[in-house]
């Protein structure tokens, strides 16, 4: 059993004892704290709630909505929804905040409460700390019977979200329709099974092969959209001679593609391709986190624009995008953030932009992928002794490579020409995660091994 309380929300496994897992007691306590915090910060007693299709979703929804009512907060319940849909709905409803009930790519035994501010964006580090502090205060006053909150059920946001994608200036429905794409979709039996086929139909895609699109929460494979989990859609694409496959995670904020030959386009390259299309049509800056591929920087600079790196985490990427007036940004996990729509990862927006780009390019998926710089990221970790001064260790690594370009906004990232290595400490375990990138798998692994050897040498 696991319960993780963080600045971005509360996440855990269903069942077990209070304080050790995501139990009703923990859900009520955290929901009440967030609701009280929203009202005190904004003076607004309306909160939007939506959920993915995981098995525990209805139970968690009942607890969350009932708790919000019990403290006098009105609820707009979107029902089965997506993370980006709730993000869009919060400002549309003039709400004080939002709660998304999803554990994202985690397996079915997990669920979580993701927390949004009144802009429909994830709450900040400081905001999260305030909510966590409130959650430790058991002196919460509940509303009298005449002051209980009301609930409004609103299922209109599926169409509203799709309409917003169609309205984007760089989404060309006519071009997509004319391309007559045949598309396979794997929605891992969550809400993407509702939203993605509906979007494709609205974009003029007539041939859609639906795989795991029944929103029943029974994930047929590990829901994280990694190549090793996507063997079935690869077969569906090849057997039906589809032009591409589309894969989303349970809450539809991560997006990846399958090529027409069944190979993977690469989750890192979702943002690269979309950004290439955006910056060439609306010139401007781009942003991704420090652990994302250098290919985004390459295509940005080729277009004469500026790339900036942010610390890992969607909130950090959004803040850097606002600071640098970026026209596109996101993360290498298939997260597309397009400010013309809203400041949140949105697979539906990504689909609209990508299909327009593909249609106008006249290329196949493999041809488009081959047109981008080829990089490979190696992911490793080194386990250390409990109580070790990991921060001090990272400072020593930084000093060792002081003659190289070094970024320390989030751990230590060292550049070696077009290669890099990024070291980040875990907040929960005595571990340093080591990400390295080069033009080949062997070179990326070699770079990681070199830095691991340096760490071992420093430790003696």
Protein backbone atom coordinates (compact mmCIF):
# COMPACT_ATOMS: atom_id res chain seq x y z
CA UNK A 1 0.00 0.00 0.00
CA UNK A 2 1.29 3.45 -0.89
CA UNK A 3 0.25 7.04 -0.19
CA UNK A 4 2.24 9.93 -1.64
CA UNK A 5 1.40 13.47 -0.56
CA UNK A 6 3.04 16.05 -2.79
CA UNK A 7 2.64 19.70 -3.77
CA UNK A 8 0.70 18.65 -6.87
CA UNK A 9 -1.86 16.46 -5.10
CA UNK A 10 -2.35 13.16 -3.34
CA UNK A 11 -1.68 9.82 -4.99
CA UNK A 12 -1.87 6.27 -3.75
CA UNK A 13 -3.13 2.74 -4.04
CA UNK A 14 -6.74 1.89 -3.20
CA UNK A 15 -7.41 -0.06 0.01
CA UNK A 16 -5.56 -0.52 3.27
CA UNK A 17 -5.37 1.66 6.36
CA UNK A 18 -5.74 5.44 6.58
CA UNK A 19 -2.41 7.18 6.15
CA UNK A 20 -0.88 4.17 4.38
CA UNK A 21 -2.90 4.25 1.14
CA UNK A 22 -5.52 6.29 -0.70
CA UNK A 23 -8.39 5.51 1.66
CA UNK A 24 -11.73 7.35 2.07
CA UNK A 25 -10.32 9.04 5.18
CA UNK A 26 -7.36 10.45 3.24
CA UNK A 27 -9.52 11.48 0.28
CA UNK A 28 -11.96 13.38 2.51
CA UNK A 29 -9.21 15.09 4.51
CA UNK A 30 -7.27 16.25 1.47
CA UNK A 31 -10.36 17.28 -0.52
CA UNK A 32 -11.71 19.37 2.37
CA UNK A 33 -8.33 21.06 2.77
CA UNK A 34 -8.10 21.93 -0.92
CA UNK A 35 -11.68 23.18 -1.02
CA UNK A 36 -11.12 25.41 2.00
CA UNK A 37 -7.88 26.70 0.49
CA UNK A 38 -9.57 27.56 -2.83
CA UNK A 39 -12.33 29.51 -1.11
CA UNK A 40 -9.89 31.39 1.13
CA UNK A 41 -7.60 32.25 -1.79
CA UNK A 42 -10.17 33.19 -4.41
CA UNK A 43 -13.42 33.87 -2.58
CA UNK A 44 -14.92 31.50 -5.15
CA UNK A 45 -16.82 28.44 -3.88
CA UNK A 46 -17.08 26.59 -7.21
CA UNK A 47 -14.80 23.68 -8.17
CA UNK A 48 -14.80 21.59 -11.37
CA UNK A 49 -14.34 17.83 -10.99
CA UNK A 50 -13.65 15.23 -13.69
CA UNK A 51 -12.23 11.71 -13.72
CA UNK A 52 -10.65 9.09 -15.91
CA UNK A 53 -12.25 5.65 -16.28
CA UNK A 54 -10.24 3.65 -13.76
CA UNK A 55 -12.17 1.16 -11.62
CA UNK A 56 -11.97 3.21 -8.41
CA UNK A 57 -13.02 6.42 -10.16
CA UNK A 58 -16.70 6.40 -9.22
CA UNK A 59 -15.96 5.66 -5.56
CA UNK A 60 -13.34 8.41 -5.35
CA UNK A 61 -15.64 10.81 -7.22
CA UNK A 62 -18.46 10.22 -4.72
CA UNK A 63 -16.17 10.98 -1.80
CA UNK A 64 -14.66 14.09 -3.42
CA UNK A 65 -17.96 15.60 -4.56
CA UNK A 66 -19.68 14.84 -1.25
CA UNK A 67 -16.83 16.34 0.73
CA UNK A 68 -16.85 19.53 -1.35
CA UNK A 69 -20.60 19.83 -0.77
CA UNK A 70 -20.07 19.30 2.95
CA UNK A 71 -17.88 22.41 3.20
CA UNK A 72 -20.28 24.55 1.17
CA UNK A 73 -18.52 24.28 -2.20
CA UNK A 74 -20.54 24.01 -5.41
CA UNK A 75 -19.37 21.36 -7.87
CA UNK A 76 -19.46 21.19 -11.66
CA UNK A 77 -19.12 17.46 -12.32
CA UNK A 78 -17.88 16.62 -15.83
CA UNK A 79 -18.11 12.88 -15.22
CA UNK A 80 -15.80 10.80 -17.44
CA UNK A 81 -13.35 13.36 -18.75
CA UNK A 82 -9.66 14.06 -19.40
CA UNK A 83 -7.08 16.11 -17.58
CA UNK A 84 -6.91 18.78 -20.33
CA UNK A 85 -10.71 18.94 -20.53
CA UNK A 86 -10.96 19.79 -16.84
CA UNK A 87 -8.19 22.36 -17.31
CA UNK A 88 -10.23 24.01 -20.05
CA UNK A 89 -13.47 23.84 -18.05
CA UNK A 90 -12.20 25.64 -14.93
CA UNK A 91 -11.87 29.13 -16.49
CA UNK A 92 -14.88 28.49 -18.76
CA UNK A 93 -16.98 27.89 -15.62
CA UNK A 94 -15.40 30.82 -13.74
CA UNK A 95 -14.52 28.30 -11.04
CA UNK A 96 -12.06 28.78 -8.21
CA UNK A 97 -10.20 25.57 -9.07
CA UNK A 98 -10.42 22.02 -10.30
CA UNK A 99 -9.75 18.45 -9.21
CA UNK A 100 -8.89 15.71 -11.68
CA UNK A 101 -9.33 12.17 -10.39
CA UNK A 102 -6.62 10.23 -12.19
CA UNK A 103 -3.36 8.49 -11.46
CA UNK A 104 -2.23 9.24 -15.00
CA UNK A 105 -0.08 6.37 -16.32
CA UNK A 106 -0.04 4.39 -13.05
CA UNK A 107 -1.61 0.89 -12.99
CA UNK A 108 -5.26 0.27 -12.09
CA UNK A 109 -4.74 -0.04 -8.30
CA UNK A 110 -3.70 3.61 -8.18
CA UNK A 111 -5.77 6.77 -8.14
CA UNK A 112 -5.03 10.40 -7.35
CA UNK A 113 -6.37 13.91 -6.90
CA UNK A 114 -4.62 16.39 -9.21
CA UNK A 115 -5.20 20.00 -8.20
CA UNK A 116 -5.81 23.04 -10.43
CA UNK A 117 -5.95 26.77 -9.67
CA UNK A 118 -8.55 29.18 -11.03
CA UNK A 119 -6.68 29.40 -14.36
CA UNK A 120 -7.06 25.67 -14.90
CA UNK A 121 -3.33 25.19 -14.33
CA UNK A 122 -1.59 22.98 -11.78
CA UNK A 123 -1.11 24.72 -8.46
CA UNK A 124 2.36 26.10 -7.69
CA UNK A 125 4.95 24.74 -5.29
CA UNK A 126 4.00 27.30 -2.63
CA UNK A 127 0.28 26.65 -3.13
CA UNK A 128 0.84 22.94 -2.73
CA UNK A 129 2.72 23.43 0.51
CA UNK A 130 -0.15 25.51 1.88
CA UNK A 131 -2.68 22.81 0.99
CA UNK A 132 -0.52 20.11 2.59
CA UNK A 133 -0.24 22.20 5.76
CA UNK A 134 -4.03 22.61 5.88
CA UNK A 135 -4.45 18.86 5.48
CA UNK A 136 -2.55 18.34 8.73
CA UNK A 137 -5.00 20.63 10.56
CA UNK A 138 -7.89 18.46 11.76
CA UNK A 139 -9.93 21.48 12.87
CA UNK A 140 -12.07 21.75 9.72
CA UNK A 141 -15.53 23.27 10.10
CA UNK A 142 -18.26 21.77 7.92
CA UNK A 143 -21.28 23.61 6.54
CA UNK A 144 -24.75 23.65 8.12
CA UNK A 145 -27.53 21.91 6.22
CA UNK A 146 -28.79 25.11 4.58
CA UNK A 147 -25.28 25.96 3.36
CA UNK A 148 -24.31 22.70 1.66
CA UNK A 149 -22.87 22.97 -1.85
CA UNK A 150 -24.79 22.11 -5.00
CA UNK A 151 -23.80 19.75 -7.80
CA UNK A 152 -24.31 20.42 -11.50
CA UNK A 153 -23.63 17.62 -13.98
CA UNK A 154 -22.21 18.86 -17.29
CA UNK A 155 -21.38 16.44 -20.11
CA UNK A 156 -21.00 19.17 -22.72
CA UNK A 157 -17.25 19.52 -22.40
CA UNK A 158 -16.42 16.64 -24.74
CA UNK A 159 -17.81 18.71 -27.60
CA UNK A 160 -16.50 21.99 -26.17
CA UNK A 161 -12.98 20.58 -26.01
CA UNK A 162 -13.19 19.24 -29.56
CA UNK A 163 -14.55 22.58 -30.80
CA UNK A 164 -11.60 24.37 -29.23
CA UNK A 165 -9.19 22.08 -31.10
CA UNK A 166 -11.00 22.69 -34.40
CA UNK A 167 -10.83 26.46 -33.83
CA UNK A 168 -7.03 26.53 -33.53
CA UNK A 169 -5.46 28.49 -36.37
CA UNK A 170 -2.89 25.79 -37.18
CA UNK A 171 -5.39 22.91 -37.24
CA UNK A 172 -6.54 22.41 -40.84
CA UNK A 173 -9.56 20.09 -40.98
CA UNK A 174 -9.74 20.28 -44.78
CA UNK A 175 -6.13 19.12 -45.16
CA UNK A 176 -6.61 16.25 -42.69
CA UNK A 177 -9.84 15.16 -44.36
CA UNK A 178 -8.27 15.26 -47.82
CA UNK A 179 -5.39 13.05 -46.67
CA UNK A 180 -7.87 10.21 -46.00
CA UNK A 181 -5.80 8.86 -43.14
CA UNK A 182 -6.48 5.42 -41.75
CA UNK A 183 -5.78 5.62 -38.01
CA UNK A 184 -5.57 3.02 -35.24
CA UNK A 185 -6.22 4.15 -31.64
CA UNK A 186 -5.18 2.54 -28.34
CA UNK A 187 -6.90 4.33 -25.43
CA UNK A 188 -6.08 1.69 -22.76
CA UNK A 189 -9.82 1.36 -21.91
CA UNK A 190 -10.00 4.82 -20.37
CA UNK A 191 -11.57 8.12 -21.38
CA UNK A 192 -9.40 8.49 -24.46
CA UNK A 193 -11.69 5.82 -25.90
CA UNK A 194 -14.46 8.43 -25.85
CA UNK A 195 -12.53 11.57 -26.72
CA UNK A 196 -9.97 10.48 -29.35
CA UNK A 197 -12.35 8.74 -31.82
CA UNK A 198 -14.80 11.66 -31.46
CA UNK A 199 -12.01 14.13 -32.26
CA UNK A 200 -10.82 12.10 -35.25
CA UNK A 201 -14.34 12.04 -36.66
CA UNK A 202 -14.59 15.82 -36.25
CA UNK A 203 -11.24 16.18 -38.04
CA UNK A 204 -12.55 14.28 -41.05
CA UNK A 205 -10.82 10.95 -40.38
CA UNK A 206 -13.28 8.34 -41.68
CA UNK A 207 -11.34 5.14 -41.02
CA UNK A 208 -10.53 4.50 -37.36
CA UNK A 209 -9.50 1.14 -35.90
CA UNK A 210 -10.39 1.22 -32.21
CA UNK A 211 -8.29 -0.86 -29.83
CA UNK A 212 -9.08 -0.84 -26.10
CA UNK A 213 -11.48 2.09 -26.43
CA UNK A 214 -14.12 0.87 -23.96
CA UNK A 215 -13.86 3.18 -20.90
CA UNK A 216 -14.23 0.48 -18.24
CA UNK A 217 -10.93 0.99 -16.39
CA UNK A 218 -9.67 -2.54 -17.05
CA UNK A 219 -6.28 -1.63 -18.53
CA UNK A 220 -5.30 -4.41 -20.98
CA UNK A 221 -1.61 -3.57 -20.62
CA UNK A 222 0.58 -1.29 -18.55
CA UNK A 223 -1.01 2.12 -19.22
CA UNK A 224 2.28 4.01 -19.60
CA UNK A 225 2.66 4.48 -23.38
CA UNK A 226 6.12 2.96 -23.74
CA UNK A 227 7.17 0.80 -26.75
CA UNK A 228 7.21 -2.44 -24.76
CA UNK A 229 3.53 -1.93 -23.87
CA UNK A 230 2.33 -1.16 -27.41
CA UNK A 231 2.79 -4.45 -29.26
CA UNK A 232 -0.94 -4.89 -29.95
CA UNK A 233 -1.49 -1.53 -31.65
CA UNK A 234 1.67 -2.13 -33.67
CA UNK A 235 0.04 -5.30 -35.03
CA UNK A 236 -3.26 -3.52 -35.70
CA UNK A 237 -1.49 -0.79 -37.68
CA UNK A 238 0.38 -3.30 -39.85
CA UNK A 239 -2.52 -5.71 -40.36
CA UNK A 240 -4.87 -2.92 -41.48
CA UNK A 241 -2.21 -1.00 -43.41
CA UNK A 242 -3.07 2.07 -41.36
CA UNK A 243 -1.17 5.29 -41.90
CA UNK A 244 -0.43 5.63 -38.20
CA UNK A 245 -1.40 4.62 -34.70
CA UNK A 246 -2.33 7.00 -31.88
CA UNK A 247 -1.78 6.09 -28.23
CA UNK A 248 -2.85 8.09 -25.15
CA UNK A 249 -2.54 7.44 -21.44
CA UNK A 250 -5.60 7.07 -19.14
CA UNK A 251 -6.12 10.82 -18.60
CA UNK A 252 -5.20 11.84 -22.17
CA UNK A 253 -2.39 14.28 -21.47
CA UNK A 254 0.36 12.13 -23.00
CA UNK A 255 0.49 11.29 -26.70
CA UNK A 256 2.61 9.02 -28.83
CA UNK A 257 2.44 7.64 -32.34
CA UNK A 258 3.08 4.37 -34.18
CA UNK A 259 4.53 4.45 -37.69
CA UNK A 260 2.86 2.79 -40.66
CA UNK A 261 5.33 -0.13 -40.45
CA UNK A 262 4.51 -0.79 -36.79
CA UNK A 263 7.65 0.86 -35.41
CA UNK A 264 7.47 3.60 -32.81
CA UNK A 265 7.66 7.25 -33.85
CA UNK A 266 9.15 7.87 -30.39
CA UNK A 267 7.46 9.56 -27.44
CA UNK A 268 10.24 12.17 -27.33
CA UNK A 269 9.52 13.08 -30.94
CA UNK A 270 5.83 13.87 -30.44
CA UNK A 271 6.81 17.33 -29.17
CA UNK A 272 9.63 17.67 -31.69
CA UNK A 273 7.32 17.15 -34.70
CA UNK A 274 4.52 19.35 -33.38
CA UNK A 275 6.96 22.10 -32.40
CA UNK A 276 8.61 21.97 -35.82
CA UNK A 277 5.22 22.61 -37.43
CA UNK A 278 4.28 25.37 -34.98
CA UNK A 279 7.51 27.39 -35.04
CA UNK A 280 7.69 27.34 -38.83
CA UNK A 281 4.18 28.76 -39.08
CA UNK A 282 4.09 31.00 -35.99
CA UNK A 283 7.74 31.83 -35.20
CA UNK A 284 8.57 31.90 -31.50
CA UNK A 285 10.45 30.24 -28.66
CA UNK A 286 10.14 26.68 -27.40
CA UNK A 287 10.58 25.03 -23.98
CA UNK A 288 11.01 21.50 -22.68
CA UNK A 289 12.41 20.07 -19.47
CA UNK A 290 16.07 19.27 -18.93
CA UNK A 291 15.57 15.53 -19.44
CA UNK A 292 13.93 15.87 -22.87
CA UNK A 293 15.66 15.29 -26.20
CA UNK A 294 18.00 17.84 -27.73
CA UNK A 295 16.13 17.37 -31.03
CA UNK A 296 13.64 20.08 -29.94
CA UNK A 297 16.50 22.56 -29.58
CA UNK A 298 17.81 21.55 -33.00
CA UNK A 299 14.54 22.09 -34.88
CA UNK A 300 13.90 25.32 -32.97
CA UNK A 301 17.29 26.78 -33.87
CA UNK A 302 16.98 25.57 -37.47
CA UNK A 303 13.84 27.71 -37.66
CA UNK A 304 15.79 30.69 -36.31
CA UNK A 305 14.10 30.64 -32.92
CA UNK A 306 15.28 30.20 -29.32
CA UNK A 307 15.00 27.10 -27.15
CA UNK A 308 14.93 27.23 -23.33
CA UNK A 309 15.11 24.43 -20.76
CA UNK A 310 13.03 24.16 -17.60
CA UNK A 311 13.26 22.05 -14.48
CA UNK A 312 11.39 18.74 -14.68
CA UNK A 313 7.67 19.05 -13.94
CA UNK A 314 4.75 20.49 -15.90
CA UNK A 315 4.43 23.53 -13.62
CA UNK A 316 8.08 24.40 -14.24
CA UNK A 317 7.72 24.04 -18.00
CA UNK A 318 4.62 26.27 -18.00
CA UNK A 319 6.38 28.93 -15.92
CA UNK A 320 9.37 28.96 -18.28
CA UNK A 321 7.03 29.15 -21.29
CA UNK A 322 5.31 32.21 -19.84
CA UNK A 323 8.65 33.79 -18.93
CA UNK A 324 10.07 33.33 -22.45
CA UNK A 325 6.81 33.85 -24.38
CA UNK A 326 7.13 30.39 -25.94
CA UNK A 327 4.67 29.44 -28.69
CA UNK A 328 4.98 25.71 -27.96
CA UNK A 329 6.45 23.58 -25.21
CA UNK A 330 6.06 20.38 -23.28
CA UNK A 331 7.85 17.29 -22.09
CA UNK A 332 9.57 14.35 -23.70
CA UNK A 333 6.92 11.98 -22.35
CA UNK A 334 4.57 12.98 -25.17
CA UNK A 335 3.20 16.07 -23.43
CA UNK A 336 2.19 18.94 -25.75
CA UNK A 337 1.55 22.37 -24.20
CA UNK A 338 0.15 24.86 -26.72
CA UNK A 339 -0.62 28.28 -25.20
CA UNK A 340 -3.04 29.26 -27.98
CA UNK A 341 -5.31 26.63 -26.43
CA UNK A 342 -4.30 26.53 -22.73
CA UNK A 343 -1.29 25.98 -20.48
CA UNK A 344 -1.58 22.25 -19.93
CA UNK A 345 -0.48 19.03 -21.63
CA UNK A 346 -3.20 18.12 -24.10
CA UNK A 347 -3.17 15.04 -26.33
CA UNK A 348 -6.24 16.23 -28.28
CA UNK A 349 -4.52 19.49 -29.24
CA UNK A 350 -1.41 17.47 -30.12
CA UNK A 351 -3.43 15.18 -32.41
CA UNK A 352 -4.97 18.11 -34.28
CA UNK A 353 -1.61 19.81 -34.84
CA UNK A 354 0.27 16.62 -35.70
CA UNK A 355 -2.26 15.34 -38.23
CA UNK A 356 -2.29 18.74 -39.94
CA UNK A 357 1.52 18.68 -40.09
CA UNK A 358 1.53 15.12 -41.47
CA UNK A 359 -1.15 15.89 -44.05
CA UNK A 360 0.58 19.01 -45.34
CA UNK A 361 4.01 17.37 -45.41
CA UNK A 362 2.91 14.64 -47.82
CA UNK A 363 5.27 12.28 -45.99
CA UNK A 364 4.68 8.90 -44.42
CA UNK A 365 5.26 8.55 -40.68
CA UNK A 366 8.63 6.86 -41.18
CA UNK A 367 9.70 9.56 -43.63
CA UNK A 368 8.73 12.30 -41.20
CA UNK A 369 10.54 10.62 -38.32
CA UNK A 370 13.67 10.22 -40.47
CA UNK A 371 13.61 13.95 -41.22
CA UNK A 372 14.42 14.81 -37.59
CA UNK A 373 17.80 14.58 -35.81
CA UNK A 374 18.38 11.09 -34.46
CA UNK A 375 19.07 10.88 -30.73
CA UNK A 376 18.79 8.15 -28.14
CA UNK A 377 18.17 8.65 -24.41
CA UNK A 378 19.51 6.14 -21.88
CA UNK A 379 17.88 6.04 -18.42
CA UNK A 380 19.85 4.70 -15.47
CA UNK A 381 20.11 5.11 -11.71
CA UNK A 382 22.63 4.57 -8.97
CA UNK A 383 21.54 3.54 -5.47
CA UNK A 384 23.40 5.12 -2.57
CA UNK A 385 23.53 4.54 1.18
CA UNK A 386 20.73 6.06 3.25
CA UNK A 387 21.71 9.37 4.85
CA UNK A 388 24.38 10.13 2.28
CA UNK A 389 24.93 13.80 1.32
CA UNK A 390 23.61 13.52 -2.23
CA UNK A 391 23.56 17.30 -2.74
CA UNK A 392 27.25 17.44 -1.83
CA UNK A 393 27.97 14.62 -4.25
CA UNK A 394 26.24 16.49 -7.08
CA UNK A 395 28.29 19.60 -6.27
CA UNK A 396 31.47 17.55 -6.67
CA UNK A 397 30.28 16.28 -10.06
CA UNK A 398 29.50 19.84 -11.07
CA UNK A 399 33.02 20.92 -10.03
CA UNK A 400 34.61 18.05 -11.97
CA UNK A 401 32.94 19.22 -15.17
CA UNK A 402 33.16 22.97 -14.56
CA UNK A 403 34.74 23.50 -17.98
CA UNK A 404 31.63 22.10 -19.71
CA UNK A 405 28.27 23.88 -20.03
CA UNK A 406 26.44 22.99 -16.79
CA UNK A 407 22.82 23.66 -15.78
CA UNK A 408 21.92 23.33 -12.08
CA UNK A 409 18.27 24.47 -11.99
CA UNK A 410 17.23 20.84 -11.43
CA UNK A 411 20.03 18.57 -10.32
CA UNK A 412 23.07 18.78 -12.60
CA UNK A 413 22.97 18.66 -16.40
CA UNK A 414 26.28 18.60 -18.27
CA UNK A 415 26.59 19.13 -22.03
CA UNK A 416 29.29 17.56 -24.18
CA UNK A 417 28.69 19.10 -27.59
CA UNK A 418 25.38 17.59 -28.73
CA UNK A 419 25.54 14.95 -26.01
CA UNK A 420 24.37 15.50 -22.44
CA UNK A 421 23.92 13.79 -19.11
CA UNK A 422 21.39 14.85 -16.44
CA UNK A 423 21.63 13.78 -12.81
CA UNK A 424 18.61 14.21 -10.50
CA UNK A 425 18.24 12.99 -6.94
CA UNK A 426 15.07 11.21 -5.84
CA UNK A 427 12.98 13.01 -3.22
CA UNK A 428 11.92 9.74 -1.61
CA UNK A 429 14.87 7.34 -1.95
CA UNK A 430 18.71 7.52 -1.75
CA UNK A 431 18.93 7.34 -5.54
CA UNK A 432 20.43 9.48 -8.30
CA UNK A 433 18.65 9.11 -11.62
CA UNK A 434 20.96 9.47 -14.59
CA UNK A 435 19.64 10.40 -18.04
CA UNK A 436 22.04 10.62 -20.96
CA UNK A 437 21.53 11.35 -24.65
CA UNK A 438 23.68 10.83 -27.72
CA UNK A 439 23.29 9.95 -31.38
CA UNK A 440 23.29 6.21 -30.66
CA UNK A 441 22.23 3.88 -27.89
CA UNK A 442 25.80 2.68 -27.38
CA UNK A 443 27.17 6.21 -27.02
CA UNK A 444 24.37 7.24 -24.65
CA UNK A 445 25.04 4.20 -22.46
CA UNK A 446 28.78 4.86 -22.57
CA UNK A 447 28.23 8.45 -21.40
CA UNK A 448 26.06 7.26 -18.51
CA UNK A 449 28.63 4.64 -17.51
CA UNK A 450 31.37 7.29 -17.51
CA UNK A 451 29.45 9.51 -15.07
CA UNK A 452 28.49 6.53 -12.89
CA UNK A 453 32.18 5.65 -12.71
CA UNK A 454 32.95 9.24 -11.69
CA UNK A 455 30.37 9.04 -8.89
CA UNK A 456 31.86 5.77 -7.62
CA UNK A 457 35.34 7.27 -7.72
CA UNK A 458 34.19 10.28 -5.66
CA UNK A 459 32.61 7.91 -3.14
CA UNK A 460 35.90 6.01 -2.91
